[in-house]
Amino acid sequence: MKKILICLFISFLVLSCSKKDDSKILVTMDNDKITLQEFNKELDKIPMNMKMAVASQSGKKNYLDRLIVKKLLLKEAEKEKIEGGKEFQDRLNDIKEQLLIESVLKKKITADAKTTDEDLKKYYDANKENFKKEREINTRHILLKTDEEAKQVLSRIQKGEDFTELAKKYSIDPGAGATGGEIGFHPKGSLVPEYEQAAFKLNKIGQISGVVKTKFGYHIIKLEGIKPPTYVPFDEVKDFIKQKMVQEKQTELLEKYISELKKNAKITINEELLKEEKPAAAEPAKPDKPVAPEKKETPAPKK
């Protein structure tokens, strides 16, 4: 029994020390204060994607300054008795109603809008065409300033000279020296229209186009690779499908829930009142125009 009491006493001391440490005063403002525990609680409220902003010492100081300003403004609001004002209470009631609606919908709808991996896979299989990637091609090009220059380089390619080396030597594309003019894989709709139209007409790897004019100059295009149409793997679109299915399910459940609420409630609408025009707001009374005092004729002096 004695050991138990000693342990309890030690535990109490530990908890007391912890509490004391947590209650260290970080800031004092007149008769108010901010404890270290309060500041840490505020830091915990920061969304995960913004926590890096307060990870540094300067970040913490900036956040603390915001907390100090918040406390000062709340004190001012208390002095001005803002909370008791009609405008404040009206807005507070609006916010309260909105929170109540959100909470009941979350309880009734969000919980029921769950999806399983099996549901997601079924959706993927049923809508597979929506996840199809069209044919992509990899091209290499030589860009020249004039049509004549392009024809001369094309002639040398047709005689057997290396396309890549000619691209490095003559292409005015800034990256050609390093890449040999290679563009990389691209689907339709991602390149300059004239270039893309000519490039997608090439069907065999190694095939070369004629001279193609675009706003950048004159191109000679070589087909380097082809990726046939394929489907995006399920794992890559799983999260997207889940989000889409949950939204669709929530919409369906919401419509059903609202319909049931209306069905089970006794609702009577006075249609005649709806037809009545809303009375126009009374215009503020205009102040009377000041009336100019009557001019009194001064009698002429007697001669």
C-alpha atoms as a PDB file:
ATOM      1  CA  MET A   1       0.000   0.000   0.000  1.00  0.00           C
ATOM      2  CA  LYS A   2       2.860   2.310   0.926  1.00  0.00           C
ATOM      3  CA  LYS A   3       4.538   1.643  -2.462  1.00  0.00           C
ATOM      4  CA  ILE A   4       1.301   2.459  -4.286  1.00  0.00           C
ATOM      5  CA  LEU A   5       0.995   5.764  -2.416  1.00  0.00           C
ATOM      6  CA  ILE A   6       4.614   6.636  -3.209  1.00  0.00           C
ATOM      7  CA  CYS A   7       4.012   5.863  -6.915  1.00  0.00           C
ATOM      8  CA  LEU A   8       0.863   7.959  -6.961  1.00  0.00           C
ATOM      9  CA  PHE A   9       2.723  10.814  -5.286  1.00  0.00           C
ATOM     10  CA  ILE A  10       5.558  10.627  -7.805  1.00  0.00           C
ATOM     11  CA  SER A  11       3.028  10.520 -10.687  1.00  0.00           C
ATOM     12  CA  PHE A  12       1.323  13.576  -9.272  1.00  0.00           C
ATOM     13  CA  LEU A  13       4.634  15.414  -9.078  1.00  0.00           C
ATOM     14  CA  VAL A  14       5.476  14.486 -12.679  1.00  0.00           C
ATOM     15  CA  LEU A  15       2.075  15.655 -13.926  1.00  0.00           C
ATOM     16  CA  SER A  16       2.338  18.836 -11.896  1.00  0.00           C
ATOM     17  CA  CYS A  17       5.759  19.587 -13.337  1.00  0.00           C
ATOM     18  CA  SER A  18       4.520  18.926 -16.854  1.00  0.00           C
ATOM     19  CA  LYS A  19       1.550  21.171 -16.352  1.00  0.00           C
ATOM     20  CA  LYS A  20       3.784  23.873 -14.927  1.00  0.00           C
ATOM     21  CA  ASP A  21       6.128  23.598 -17.936  1.00  0.00           C
ATOM     22  CA  ASP A  22       3.207  23.744 -20.367  1.00  0.00           C
ATOM     23  CA  SER A  23       1.927  26.880 -18.630  1.00  0.00           C
ATOM     24  CA  LYS A  24       5.135  28.876 -19.026  1.00  0.00           C
ATOM     25  CA  ILE A  25       4.245  32.435 -19.967  1.00  0.00           C
ATOM     26  CA  LEU A  26       5.465  33.267 -23.448  1.00  0.00           C
ATOM     27  CA  VAL A  27       3.975  36.761 -23.803  1.00  0.00           C
ATOM     28  CA  THR A  28       2.427  39.264 -21.410  1.00  0.00           C
ATOM     29  CA  MET A  29       0.133  42.010 -22.680  1.00  0.00           C
ATOM     30  CA  ASP A  30      -1.229  44.383 -20.031  1.00  0.00           C
ATOM     31  CA  ASN A  31      -3.306  42.048 -17.843  1.00  0.00           C
ATOM     32  CA  ASP A  32      -3.427  39.272 -20.434  1.00  0.00           C
ATOM     33  CA  LYS A  33      -0.904  36.565 -21.316  1.00  0.00           C
ATOM     34  CA  ILE A  34      -0.117  33.862 -23.861  1.00  0.00           C
ATOM     35  CA  THR A  35       1.294  30.633 -22.475  1.00  0.00           C
ATOM     36  CA  LEU A  36       3.614  28.281 -24.304  1.00  0.00           C
ATOM     37  CA  GLN A  37       0.856  25.654 -24.201  1.00  0.00           C
ATOM     38  CA  GLU A  38      -1.633  28.031 -25.837  1.00  0.00           C
ATOM     39  CA  PHE A  39       0.890  28.969 -28.547  1.00  0.00           C
ATOM     40  CA  ASN A  40       1.653  25.306 -29.286  1.00  0.00           C
ATOM     41  CA  LYS A  41      -2.080  24.560 -29.570  1.00  0.00           C
ATOM     42  CA  GLU A  42      -2.395  27.347 -32.134  1.00  0.00           C
ATOM     43  CA  LEU A  43       0.549  25.883 -34.072  1.00  0.00           C
ATOM     44  CA  ASP A  44      -1.173  22.473 -34.085  1.00  0.00           C
ATOM     45  CA  LYS A  45      -4.163  24.010 -35.863  1.00  0.00           C
ATOM     46  CA  ILE A  46      -2.066  24.986 -38.889  1.00  0.00           C
ATOM     47  CA  PRO A  47      -2.799  22.781 -41.942  1.00  0.00           C
ATOM     48  CA  MET A  48      -0.067  20.270 -42.765  1.00  0.00           C
ATOM     49  CA  ASN A  49       0.769  21.917 -46.096  1.00  0.00           C
ATOM     50  CA  MET A  50       1.499  25.211 -44.284  1.00  0.00           C
ATOM     51  CA  LYS A  51       3.503  23.873 -41.340  1.00  0.00           C
ATOM     52  CA  MET A  52       6.800  24.454 -43.133  1.00  0.00           C
ATOM     53  CA  ALA A  53       6.091  28.198 -42.956  1.00  0.00           C
ATOM     54  CA  VAL A  54       6.434  28.110 -39.142  1.00  0.00           C
ATOM     55  CA  ALA A  55       9.203  25.524 -38.900  1.00  0.00           C
ATOM     56  CA  SER A  56      11.927  28.180 -38.647  1.00  0.00           C
ATOM     57  CA  GLN A  57      12.532  30.567 -35.750  1.00  0.00           C
ATOM     58  CA  SER A  58      11.506  33.575 -37.872  1.00  0.00           C
ATOM     59  CA  GLY A  59       8.345  31.706 -38.943  1.00  0.00           C
ATOM     60  CA  LYS A  60       7.401  31.102 -35.300  1.00  0.00           C
ATOM     61  CA  LYS A  61       7.994  34.752 -34.450  1.00  0.00           C
ATOM     62  CA  ASN A  62       5.774  35.899 -37.315  1.00  0.00           C
ATOM     63  CA  TYR A  63       3.011  33.516 -36.255  1.00  0.00           C
ATOM     64  CA  LEU A  64       3.342  34.659 -32.632  1.00  0.00           C
ATOM     65  CA  ASP A  65       2.990  38.270 -33.778  1.00  0.00           C
ATOM     66  CA  ARG A  66      -0.266  37.338 -35.558  1.00  0.00           C
ATOM     67  CA  LEU A  67      -1.509  35.699 -32.351  1.00  0.00           C
ATOM     68  CA  ILE A  68      -0.658  38.838 -30.351  1.00  0.00           C
ATOM     69  CA  VAL A  69      -2.576  41.018 -32.836  1.00  0.00           C
ATOM     70  CA  LYS A  70      -5.504  38.583 -32.642  1.00  0.00           C
ATOM     71  CA  LYS A  71      -5.572  38.878 -28.832  1.00  0.00           C
ATOM     72  CA  LEU A  72      -5.396  42.692 -28.994  1.00  0.00           C
ATOM     73  CA  LEU A  73      -8.263  42.884 -31.486  1.00  0.00           C
ATOM     74  CA  LEU A  74     -10.389  40.525 -29.398  1.00  0.00           C
ATOM     75  CA  LYS A  75      -9.778  42.769 -26.385  1.00  0.00           C
ATOM     76  CA  GLU A  76     -10.904  45.777 -28.405  1.00  0.00           C
ATOM     77  CA  ALA A  77     -14.027  43.920 -29.526  1.00  0.00           C
ATOM     78  CA  GLU A  78     -14.785  43.169 -25.883  1.00  0.00           C
ATOM     79  CA  LYS A  79     -14.350  46.815 -24.917  1.00  0.00           C
ATOM     80  CA  GLU A  80     -16.642  47.937 -27.725  1.00  0.00           C
ATOM     81  CA  LYS A  81     -19.210  45.284 -26.720  1.00  0.00           C
ATOM     82  CA  ILE A  82     -19.351  44.062 -30.332  1.00  0.00           C
ATOM     83  CA  GLU A  83     -20.710  40.656 -29.356  1.00  0.00           C
ATOM     84  CA  GLY A  84     -23.916  42.133 -27.979  1.00  0.00           C
ATOM     85  CA  GLY A  85     -24.691  44.096 -31.141  1.00  0.00           C
ATOM     86  CA  LYS A  86     -27.575  43.114 -33.417  1.00  0.00           C
ATOM     87  CA  GLU A  87     -25.448  42.929 -36.582  1.00  0.00           C
ATOM     88  CA  PHE A  88     -22.971  40.604 -34.867  1.00  0.00           C
ATOM     89  CA  GLN A  89     -25.716  38.365 -33.477  1.00  0.00           C
ATOM     90  CA  ASP A  90     -27.419  38.146 -36.879  1.00  0.00           C
ATOM     91  CA  ARG A  91     -24.173  37.063 -38.541  1.00  0.00           C
ATOM     92  CA  LEU A  92     -23.473  34.628 -35.703  1.00  0.00           C
ATOM     93  CA  ASN A  93     -26.874  33.024 -36.207  1.00  0.00           C
ATOM     94  CA  ASP A  94     -26.219  32.684 -39.950  1.00  0.00           C
ATOM     95  CA  ILE A  95     -22.881  30.959 -39.276  1.00  0.00           C
ATOM     96  CA  LYS A  96     -24.477  28.734 -36.643  1.00  0.00           C
ATOM     97  CA  GLU A  97     -27.213  27.650 -39.061  1.00  0.00           C
ATOM     98  CA  GLN A  98     -24.640  26.878 -41.751  1.00  0.00           C
ATOM     99  CA  LEU A  99     -22.559  24.787 -39.330  1.00  0.00           C
ATOM    100  CA  LEU A 100     -25.631  22.884 -38.195  1.00  0.00           C
ATOM    101  CA  ILE A 101     -26.590  22.104 -41.804  1.00  0.00           C
ATOM    102  CA  GLU A 102     -23.039  21.004 -42.664  1.00  0.00           C
ATOM    103  CA  SER A 103     -22.915  18.786 -39.570  1.00  0.00           C
ATOM    104  CA  VAL A 104     -26.219  17.038 -40.242  1.00  0.00           C
ATOM    105  CA  LEU A 105     -25.313  16.450 -43.899  1.00  0.00           C
ATOM    106  CA  LYS A 106     -21.912  15.103 -42.886  1.00  0.00           C
ATOM    107  CA  LYS A 107     -23.584  12.710 -40.469  1.00  0.00           C
ATOM    108  CA  LYS A 108     -26.284  11.573 -42.889  1.00  0.00           C
ATOM    109  CA  ILE A 109     -24.423  11.596 -46.213  1.00  0.00           C
ATOM    110  CA  THR A 110     -20.630  11.584 -45.937  1.00  0.00           C
ATOM    111  CA  ALA A 111     -20.534   8.455 -43.807  1.00  0.00           C
ATOM    112  CA  ASP A 112     -22.649   6.517 -46.335  1.00  0.00           C
ATOM    113  CA  ALA A 113     -20.673   7.623 -49.387  1.00  0.00           C
ATOM    114  CA  LYS A 114     -17.867   5.119 -48.908  1.00  0.00           C
ATOM    115  CA  THR A 115     -16.283   3.095 -51.707  1.00  0.00           C
ATOM    116  CA  THR A 116     -14.350  -0.173 -51.734  1.00  0.00           C
ATOM    117  CA  ASP A 117     -11.451  -1.152 -53.991  1.00  0.00           C
ATOM    118  CA  GLU A 118     -13.853  -3.520 -55.712  1.00  0.00           C
ATOM    119  CA  ASP A 119     -16.216  -0.613 -56.496  1.00  0.00           C
ATOM    120  CA  LEU A 120     -13.331   1.416 -57.902  1.00  0.00           C
ATOM    121  CA  LYS A 121     -12.136  -1.440 -60.125  1.00  0.00           C
ATOM    122  CA  LYS A 122     -15.660  -2.011 -61.460  1.00  0.00           C
ATOM    123  CA  TYR A 123     -15.915   1.685 -62.343  1.00  0.00           C
ATOM    124  CA  TYR A 124     -12.528   1.556 -64.072  1.00  0.00           C
ATOM    125  CA  ASP A 125     -13.494  -1.478 -66.151  1.00  0.00           C
ATOM    126  CA  ALA A 126     -16.871   0.021 -67.091  1.00  0.00           C
ATOM    127  CA  ASN A 127     -15.334   3.355 -68.135  1.00  0.00           C
ATOM    128  CA  LYS A 128     -11.999   2.166 -69.459  1.00  0.00           C
ATOM    129  CA  GLU A 129     -12.252   4.201 -72.671  1.00  0.00           C
ATOM    130  CA  ASN A 130     -12.138   7.360 -70.562  1.00  0.00           C
ATOM    131  CA  PHE A 131      -8.662   6.366 -69.395  1.00  0.00           C
ATOM    132  CA  LYS A 132      -7.219   5.653 -72.830  1.00  0.00           C
ATOM    133  CA  LYS A 133      -3.972   7.301 -73.886  1.00  0.00           C
ATOM    134  CA  GLU A 134      -3.797   8.004 -77.605  1.00  0.00           C
ATOM    135  CA  ARG A 135      -0.831   7.182 -79.814  1.00  0.00           C
ATOM    136  CA  GLU A 136       2.309   9.180 -79.026  1.00  0.00           C
ATOM    137  CA  ILE A 137       5.354   9.770 -81.210  1.00  0.00           C
ATOM    138  CA  ASN A 138       8.929  10.804 -80.559  1.00  0.00           C
ATOM    139  CA  THR A 139      10.404  13.129 -83.181  1.00  0.00           C
ATOM    140  CA  ARG A 140      13.698  14.784 -83.985  1.00  0.00           C
ATOM    141  CA  HIS A 141      13.920  17.950 -86.081  1.00  0.00           C
ATOM    142  CA  ILE A 142      16.292  20.388 -87.733  1.00  0.00           C
ATOM    143  CA  LEU A 143      15.108  24.009 -87.675  1.00  0.00           C
ATOM    144  CA  LEU A 144      16.430  26.467 -90.273  1.00  0.00           C
ATOM    145  CA  LYS A 145      15.799  30.112 -91.082  1.00  0.00           C
ATOM    146  CA  THR A 146      14.961  29.823 -94.794  1.00  0.00           C
ATOM    147  CA  ASP A 147      13.290  27.376 -97.126  1.00  0.00           C
ATOM    148  CA  GLU A 148      16.438  27.259 -99.276  1.00  0.00           C
ATOM    149  CA  GLU A 149      18.649  26.265 -96.327  1.00  0.00           C
ATOM    150  CA  ALA A 150      16.159  23.589 -95.323  1.00  0.00           C
ATOM    151  CA  LYS A 151      16.121  22.109 -98.843  1.00  0.00           C
ATOM    152  CA  GLN A 152      19.924  21.978 -98.913  1.00  0.00           C
ATOM    153  CA  VAL A 153      20.094  20.132 -95.547  1.00  0.00           C
ATOM    154  CA  LEU A 154      17.270  17.777 -96.610  1.00  0.00           C
ATOM    155  CA  SER A 155      19.239  16.921 -99.751  1.00  0.00           C
ATOM    156  CA  ARG A 156      22.282  15.978 -97.630  1.00  0.00           C
ATOM    157  CA  ILE A 157      20.104  13.765 -95.398  1.00  0.00           C
ATOM    158  CA  GLN A 158      18.684  12.003 -98.446  1.00  0.00           C
ATOM    159  CA  LYS A 159      22.238  11.339 -99.610  1.00  0.00           C
ATOM    160  CA  GLY A 160      22.951   9.514 -96.365  1.00  0.00           C
ATOM    161  CA  GLU A 161      24.418  12.093 -93.971  1.00  0.00           C
ATOM    162  CA  ASP A 162      23.610  11.622 -90.273  1.00  0.00           C
ATOM    163  CA  PHE A 163      20.430  13.493 -89.218  1.00  0.00           C
ATOM    164  CA  THR A 164      21.543  14.023 -85.612  1.00  0.00           C
ATOM    165  CA  GLU A 165      24.928  15.455 -86.545  1.00  0.00           C
ATOM    166  CA  LEU A 166      23.355  17.820 -89.076  1.00  0.00           C
ATOM    167  CA  ALA A 167      20.882  18.947 -86.398  1.00  0.00           C
ATOM    168  CA  LYS A 168      23.711  19.706 -83.972  1.00  0.00           C
ATOM    169  CA  LYS A 169      25.619  21.629 -86.654  1.00  0.00           C
ATOM    170  CA  TYR A 170      22.901  23.588 -88.492  1.00  0.00           C
ATOM    171  CA  SER A 171      19.678  23.698 -86.418  1.00  0.00           C
ATOM    172  CA  ILE A 172      18.826  27.093 -84.932  1.00  0.00           C
ATOM    173  CA  ASP A 173      16.802  25.368 -82.164  1.00  0.00           C
ATOM    174  CA  PRO A 174      18.694  26.420 -78.969  1.00  0.00           C
ATOM    175  CA  GLY A 175      18.654  22.886 -77.544  1.00  0.00           C
ATOM    176  CA  ALA A 176      19.717  21.091 -80.708  1.00  0.00           C
ATOM    177  CA  GLY A 177      23.410  21.122 -79.812  1.00  0.00           C
ATOM    178  CA  ALA A 178      22.747  18.960 -76.763  1.00  0.00           C
ATOM    179  CA  THR A 179      19.788  16.866 -77.953  1.00  0.00           C
ATOM    180  CA  GLY A 180      20.492  16.522 -81.655  1.00  0.00           C
ATOM    181  CA  GLY A 181      17.058  18.014 -82.272  1.00  0.00           C
ATOM    182  CA  GLU A 182      15.097  15.360 -80.344  1.00  0.00           C
ATOM    183  CA  ILE A 183      11.714  16.597 -79.100  1.00  0.00           C
ATOM    184  CA  GLY A 184      10.609  13.548 -77.076  1.00  0.00           C
ATOM    185  CA  PHE A 185       7.285  11.698 -76.975  1.00  0.00           C
ATOM    186  CA  HIS A 186       4.174  13.790 -77.423  1.00  0.00           C
ATOM    187  CA  PRO A 187       0.472  13.142 -78.090  1.00  0.00           C
ATOM    188  CA  LYS A 188      -1.691  15.060 -80.532  1.00  0.00           C
ATOM    189  CA  GLY A 189      -2.542  18.568 -79.478  1.00  0.00           C
ATOM    190  CA  SER A 190       0.741  19.311 -77.699  1.00  0.00           C
ATOM    191  CA  LEU A 191       2.857  20.846 -80.481  1.00  0.00           C
ATOM    192  CA  VAL A 192       2.642  23.579 -83.140  1.00  0.00           C
ATOM    193  CA  PRO A 193      -0.199  22.516 -85.518  1.00  0.00           C
ATOM    194  CA  GLU A 194       1.826  22.528 -88.773  1.00  0.00           C
ATOM    195  CA  TYR A 195       4.664  20.556 -87.174  1.00  0.00           C
ATOM    196  CA  GLU A 196       2.302  18.093 -85.513  1.00  0.00           C
ATOM    197  CA  GLN A 197       0.252  17.497 -88.661  1.00  0.00           C
ATOM    198  CA  ALA A 198       3.383  16.590 -90.647  1.00  0.00           C
ATOM    199  CA  ALA A 199       4.892  14.539 -87.795  1.00  0.00           C
ATOM    200  CA  PHE A 200       1.800  12.338 -87.299  1.00  0.00           C
ATOM    201  CA  LYS A 201       1.755  11.502 -91.011  1.00  0.00           C
ATOM    202  CA  LEU A 202       5.047   9.634 -90.524  1.00  0.00           C
ATOM    203  CA  ASN A 203       4.343   5.944 -89.891  1.00  0.00           C
ATOM    204  CA  LYS A 204       7.722   4.186 -89.882  1.00  0.00           C
ATOM    205  CA  ILE A 205      10.579   4.812 -87.461  1.00  0.00           C
ATOM    206  CA  GLY A 206      13.360   6.586 -89.334  1.00  0.00           C
ATOM    207  CA  GLN A 207      10.980   8.129 -91.850  1.00  0.00           C
ATOM    208  CA  ILE A 208      11.724  11.784 -92.703  1.00  0.00           C
ATOM    209  CA  SER A 209       9.318  14.552 -93.729  1.00  0.00           C
ATOM    210  CA  GLY A 210       9.734  17.217 -96.354  1.00  0.00           C
ATOM    211  CA  VAL A 211      10.305  20.852 -95.392  1.00  0.00           C
ATOM    212  CA  VAL A 212       7.613  22.030 -92.951  1.00  0.00           C
ATOM    213  CA  LYS A 213       7.033  25.741 -92.337  1.00  0.00           C
ATOM    214  CA  THR A 214       5.910  27.033 -88.913  1.00  0.00           C
ATOM    215  CA  LYS A 215       6.107  30.426 -87.205  1.00  0.00           C
ATOM    216  CA  PHE A 216       9.550  29.393 -85.905  1.00  0.00           C
ATOM    217  CA  GLY A 217      11.066  28.698 -89.301  1.00  0.00           C
ATOM    218  CA  TYR A 218      11.541  25.689 -91.604  1.00  0.00           C
ATOM    219  CA  HIS A 219      11.670  22.171 -90.113  1.00  0.00           C
ATOM    220  CA  ILE A 220      12.846  18.764 -91.297  1.00  0.00           C
ATOM    221  CA  ILE A 221      11.247  16.082 -89.090  1.00  0.00           C
ATOM    222  CA  LYS A 222      12.380  12.542 -88.385  1.00  0.00           C
ATOM    223  CA  LEU A 223      10.226   9.905 -86.633  1.00  0.00           C
ATOM    224  CA  GLU A 224      12.237   8.352 -83.775  1.00  0.00           C
ATOM    225  CA  GLY A 225       9.680   6.283 -81.888  1.00  0.00           C
ATOM    226  CA  ILE A 226       6.014   5.286 -81.557  1.00  0.00           C
ATOM    227  CA  LYS A 227       3.935   4.492 -78.481  1.00  0.00           C
ATOM    228  CA  PRO A 228       0.700   2.769 -79.547  1.00  0.00           C
ATOM    229  CA  PRO A 229      -2.612   3.652 -77.847  1.00  0.00           C
ATOM    230  CA  THR A 230      -2.766   2.265 -74.322  1.00  0.00           C
ATOM    231  CA  TYR A 231      -4.796   2.535 -71.127  1.00  0.00           C
ATOM    232  CA  VAL A 232      -3.659   4.383 -68.013  1.00  0.00           C
ATOM    233  CA  PRO A 233      -3.070   1.706 -65.321  1.00  0.00           C
ATOM    234  CA  PHE A 234      -5.758   1.388 -62.659  1.00  0.00           C
ATOM    235  CA  ASP A 235      -3.349   2.250 -59.812  1.00  0.00           C
ATOM    236  CA  GLU A 236      -2.535   5.596 -61.439  1.00  0.00           C
ATOM    237  CA  VAL A 237      -6.186   6.713 -61.612  1.00  0.00           C
ATOM    238  CA  LYS A 238      -7.494   4.960 -58.503  1.00  0.00           C
ATOM    239  CA  ASP A 239      -7.535   8.121 -56.341  1.00  0.00           C
ATOM    240  CA  PHE A 240      -9.178  10.143 -59.113  1.00  0.00           C
ATOM    241  CA  ILE A 241     -11.904   7.498 -59.510  1.00  0.00           C
ATOM    242  CA  LYS A 242     -12.456   7.387 -55.750  1.00  0.00           C
ATOM    243  CA  GLN A 243     -12.924  11.157 -55.559  1.00  0.00           C
ATOM    244  CA  LYS A 244     -15.309  11.123 -58.526  1.00  0.00           C
ATOM    245  CA  MET A 245     -17.370   8.208 -57.168  1.00  0.00           C
ATOM    246  CA  VAL A 246     -17.629   9.737 -53.698  1.00  0.00           C
ATOM    247  CA  GLN A 247     -18.850  13.045 -55.181  1.00  0.00           C
ATOM    248  CA  GLU A 248     -21.416  11.271 -57.349  1.00  0.00           C
ATOM    249  CA  LYS A 249     -22.608   9.160 -54.415  1.00  0.00           C
ATOM    250  CA  GLN A 250     -22.884  12.182 -52.137  1.00  0.00           C
ATOM    251  CA  THR A 251     -24.940  14.050 -54.734  1.00  0.00           C
ATOM    252  CA  GLU A 252     -27.249  11.069 -55.114  1.00  0.00           C
ATOM    253  CA  LEU A 253     -27.623  10.621 -51.342  1.00  0.00           C
ATOM    254  CA  LEU A 254     -28.227  14.346 -50.841  1.00  0.00           C
ATOM    255  CA  GLU A 255     -31.031  14.452 -53.401  1.00  0.00           C
ATOM    256  CA  LYS A 256     -32.605  11.356 -51.869  1.00  0.00           C
ATOM    257  CA  TYR A 257     -32.294  12.705 -48.307  1.00  0.00           C
ATOM    258  CA  ILE A 258     -33.798  16.107 -49.185  1.00  0.00           C
ATOM    259  CA  SER A 259     -36.628  14.376 -51.057  1.00  0.00           C
ATOM    260  CA  GLU A 260     -37.427  12.237 -47.994  1.00  0.00           C
ATOM    261  CA  LEU A 261     -37.356  15.255 -45.680  1.00  0.00           C
ATOM    262  CA  LYS A 262     -39.860  17.069 -47.889  1.00  0.00           C
ATOM    263  CA  LYS A 263     -42.014  13.955 -48.204  1.00  0.00           C
ATOM    264  CA  ASN A 264     -42.209  13.408 -44.441  1.00  0.00           C
ATOM    265  CA  ALA A 265     -42.866  17.057 -43.600  1.00  0.00           C
ATOM    266  CA  LYS A 266     -46.205  18.801 -43.867  1.00  0.00           C
ATOM    267  CA  ILE A 267     -45.446  21.772 -46.098  1.00  0.00           C
ATOM    268  CA  THR A 268     -48.060  24.328 -47.167  1.00  0.00           C
ATOM    269  CA  ILE A 269     -47.196  27.221 -49.442  1.00  0.00           C
ATOM    270  CA  ASN A 270     -49.436  30.250 -49.870  1.00  0.00           C
ATOM    271  CA  GLU A 271     -49.000  30.769 -53.609  1.00  0.00           C
ATOM    272  CA  GLU A 272     -51.075  33.946 -53.589  1.00  0.00           C
ATOM    273  CA  LEU A 273     -48.605  35.685 -51.311  1.00  0.00           C
ATOM    274  CA  LEU A 274     -45.789  34.831 -53.713  1.00  0.00           C
ATOM    275  CA  LYS A 275     -47.622  36.702 -56.454  1.00  0.00           C
ATOM    276  CA  GLU A 276     -47.713  39.887 -54.450  1.00  0.00           C
ATOM    277  CA  GLU A 277     -45.077  42.399 -55.366  1.00  0.00           C
ATOM    278  CA  LYS A 278     -42.507  43.194 -52.773  1.00  0.00           C
ATOM    279  CA  PRO A 279     -43.200  46.697 -51.416  1.00  0.00           C
ATOM    280  CA  ALA A 280     -40.607  49.163 -52.558  1.00  0.00           C
ATOM    281  CA  ALA A 281     -38.266  50.336 -49.852  1.00  0.00           C
ATOM    282  CA  ALA A 282     -39.318  53.698 -48.540  1.00  0.00           C
ATOM    283  CA  GLU A 283     -37.041  56.418 -49.781  1.00  0.00           C
ATOM    284  CA  PRO A 284     -35.485  58.538 -47.076  1.00  0.00           C
ATOM    285  CA  ALA A 285     -37.269  61.829 -46.690  1.00  0.00           C
ATOM    286  CA  LYS A 286     -35.490  64.587 -48.530  1.00  0.00           C
ATOM    287  CA  PRO A 287     -34.776  67.644 -46.434  1.00  0.00           C
ATOM    288  CA  ASP A 288     -36.829  70.670 -47.373  1.00  0.00           C
ATOM    289  CA  LYS A 289     -35.009  73.112 -49.576  1.00  0.00           C
ATOM    290  CA  PRO A 290     -34.125  76.277 -47.696  1.00  0.00           C
ATOM    291  CA  VAL A 291     -36.430  79.104 -48.629  1.00  0.00           C
ATOM    292  CA  ALA A 292     -34.709  82.355 -49.491  1.00  0.00           C
ATOM    293  CA  PRO A 293     -35.853  85.166 -47.203  1.00  0.00           C
ATOM    294  CA  GLU A 294     -38.136  87.700 -48.802  1.00  0.00           C
ATOM    295  CA  LYS A 295     -36.417  90.850 -49.834  1.00  0.00           C
ATOM    296  CA  LYS A 296     -37.888  93.862 -48.094  1.00  0.00           C
ATOM    297  CA  GLU A 297     -37.938  97.038 -50.071  1.00  0.00           C
ATOM    298  CA  THR A 298     -36.209  99.854 -48.258  1.00  0.00           C
ATOM    299  CA  PRO A 299     -38.270 103.031 -48.502  1.00  0.00           C
ATOM    300  CA  ALA A 300     -36.504 105.791 -50.307  1.00  0.00           C
ATOM    301  CA  PRO A 301     -35.457 108.649 -48.047  1.00  0.00           C
ATOM    302  CA  LYS A 302     -37.689 111.681 -48.103  1.00  0.00           C
ATOM    303  CA  LYS A 303     -36.245 114.581 -49.841  1.00  0.00           C
END
